[in-house]
Amino acid sequence: MLVVDDIKMNQIIIKEMLSKLSIKPDITNNGIEALEAAKSKEYDIILMDCRMPEMDGFEATTKLRERAFKRPIIALTASTTKTERALCFDSGMDDVLTKPYRAADLLHLLTKWCHP
C-alpha cells in the first residue's frame, strides 16, 4: 500500500490507523514521489491526497493511469463538494475518503477495494 500526503500529521494518523490493521504502508509526500515509488514497487492500492505541492493527486493519478496502473486509487480529500468529487473520478480515482475520517471509515474502504 502506498499513502501519498504532504502533511506530516496526516501521515502519522493514517500510519497509526493502518498499523492497527497490521498494514505497513509506504508513504510519499507528493505526486512526483508517488510516481517514482510506483515505478519501483507494485502496490495493491494507493491512498492519494488531492491537494499537494509540486504535483497534486489529480495529476499523479492521471499519470499513473496513463502508465496502465490498474489497481485502486482512493482520494483523500477534505473537500466535500461535487466539483472536487468529479475531479477525483475524472482523473481516474476509484473512490473518495473524506477527511477527517475514522478508522472504521478506512477499514470499510479497504474491505471494499482490497481482495485477499
Protein backbone atom coordinates (compact mmCIF):
# COMPACT_ATOMS: atom_id res chain seq x y z
CA MET A 1 0.00 0.00 0.00
CA LEU A 2 1.14 3.50 -0.80
CA VAL A 3 -0.09 6.57 1.09
CA VAL A 4 0.52 9.94 -0.56
CA ASP A 5 0.04 13.03 1.63
CA ASP A 6 2.12 16.17 2.09
CA ILE A 7 1.05 16.85 5.69
CA LYS A 8 3.15 15.01 8.30
CA MET A 9 0.33 14.84 10.86
CA ASN A 10 -1.96 13.17 8.31
CA GLN A 11 0.82 10.68 7.55
CA ILE A 12 1.20 9.87 11.25
CA ILE A 13 -2.55 9.44 11.76
CA ILE A 14 -3.11 7.11 8.81
CA LYS A 15 0.06 5.16 9.57
CA GLU A 16 -1.21 4.58 13.12
CA MET A 17 -4.67 3.52 11.89
CA LEU A 18 -3.12 1.11 9.39
CA SER A 19 -0.68 -0.32 11.93
CA LYS A 20 -3.67 -1.46 14.00
CA LEU A 21 -4.67 -3.49 10.93
CA SER A 22 -1.11 -4.87 10.64
CA ILE A 23 -0.51 -2.83 7.49
CA LYS A 24 2.79 -1.00 7.00
CA PRO A 25 2.35 1.43 4.12
CA ASP A 26 4.99 3.19 2.13
CA ILE A 27 4.49 6.94 2.46
CA THR A 28 5.36 9.70 0.00
CA ASN A 29 4.90 13.47 0.23
CA ASN A 30 3.59 14.41 -3.21
CA GLY A 31 2.60 13.14 -6.63
CA ILE A 32 6.15 13.19 -8.00
CA GLU A 33 7.35 10.90 -5.20
CA ALA A 34 4.30 8.68 -5.68
CA LEU A 35 5.10 8.19 -9.38
CA GLU A 36 8.68 7.26 -8.51
CA ALA A 37 7.53 4.81 -5.82
CA ALA A 38 5.04 3.17 -8.18
CA LYS A 39 7.80 2.69 -10.76
CA SER A 40 9.88 0.61 -8.39
CA LYS A 41 7.20 -1.33 -6.49
CA GLU A 42 3.81 -2.84 -7.26
CA TYR A 43 1.10 -1.55 -4.94
CA ASP A 44 -2.28 -3.19 -4.34
CA ILE A 45 -3.86 0.17 -3.54
CA ILE A 46 -2.87 3.84 -3.35
CA LEU A 47 -4.42 6.34 -0.94
CA MET A 48 -3.84 9.70 -2.64
CA ASP A 49 -4.26 13.18 -1.16
CA CYS A 50 -5.75 15.51 -3.75
CA ARG A 51 -4.16 18.85 -2.88
CA MET A 52 -0.36 18.75 -2.61
CA PRO A 53 2.54 20.94 -3.74
CA GLU A 54 4.78 20.05 -6.69
CA MET A 55 2.25 17.60 -8.18
CA ASP A 56 -1.28 17.16 -6.88
CA GLY A 57 -3.15 13.90 -6.60
CA PHE A 58 -5.24 14.53 -9.71
CA GLU A 59 -2.21 14.87 -11.99
CA ALA A 60 -0.41 11.97 -10.30
CA THR A 61 -3.45 9.72 -10.74
CA THR A 62 -3.82 10.70 -14.40
CA LYS A 63 -0.14 9.86 -14.99
CA LEU A 64 -0.45 6.53 -13.14
CA ARG A 65 -3.44 5.57 -15.28
CA GLU A 66 -1.51 6.57 -18.42
CA ARG A 67 1.17 4.12 -17.26
CA ALA A 68 -1.52 1.41 -17.07
CA PHE A 69 -1.73 1.30 -13.26
CA LYS A 70 -4.93 -0.71 -12.80
CA ARG A 71 -5.19 -1.06 -9.03
CA PRO A 72 -7.49 1.13 -6.91
CA ILE A 73 -6.50 4.72 -6.23
CA ILE A 74 -8.52 6.27 -3.43
CA ALA A 75 -8.76 10.04 -3.00
CA LEU A 76 -8.05 11.53 0.41
CA THR A 77 -9.68 14.95 0.50
CA ALA A 78 -11.03 17.49 2.95
CA SER A 79 -13.40 18.84 0.32
CA THR A 80 -16.94 17.54 0.10
CA THR A 81 -18.02 19.48 -2.98
CA LYS A 82 -19.47 17.75 -6.02
CA THR A 83 -16.85 19.51 -8.14
CA GLU A 84 -13.99 18.03 -6.10
CA ARG A 85 -15.52 14.55 -6.24
CA ALA A 86 -15.94 14.89 -10.01
CA LEU A 87 -12.27 15.91 -10.33
CA CYS A 88 -11.32 12.78 -8.38
CA PHE A 89 -13.24 10.45 -10.65
CA ASP A 90 -12.32 12.32 -13.84
CA SER A 91 -8.62 11.92 -13.04
CA GLY A 92 -9.05 8.15 -12.63
CA MET A 93 -9.54 7.74 -8.89
CA ASP A 94 -11.85 4.91 -7.86
CA ASP A 95 -13.31 6.20 -4.60
CA VAL A 96 -13.14 9.09 -2.14
CA LEU A 97 -12.35 9.08 1.58
CA THR A 98 -13.26 12.45 3.09
CA LYS A 99 -11.07 13.95 5.82
CA PRO A 100 -11.38 13.80 8.71
CA TYR A 101 -12.11 10.09 8.58
CA ARG A 102 -12.37 7.49 11.30
CA ALA A 103 -10.57 4.16 11.49
CA ALA A 104 -13.91 2.47 10.72
CA ASP A 105 -14.22 4.52 7.51
CA LEU A 106 -10.74 3.48 6.43
CA LEU A 107 -11.43 -0.18 7.24
CA HIS A 108 -14.68 -0.10 5.27
CA LEU A 109 -12.89 1.35 2.27
CA LEU A 110 -10.06 -1.20 2.44
CA THR A 111 -12.56 -4.05 2.76
CA LYS A 112 -14.38 -2.74 -0.30
CA TRP A 113 -11.31 -2.40 -2.53
CA CYS A 114 -8.73 -4.91 -1.29
CA HIS A 115 -9.31 -8.54 -2.08
CA PRO A 116 -7.33 -11.34 -0.38
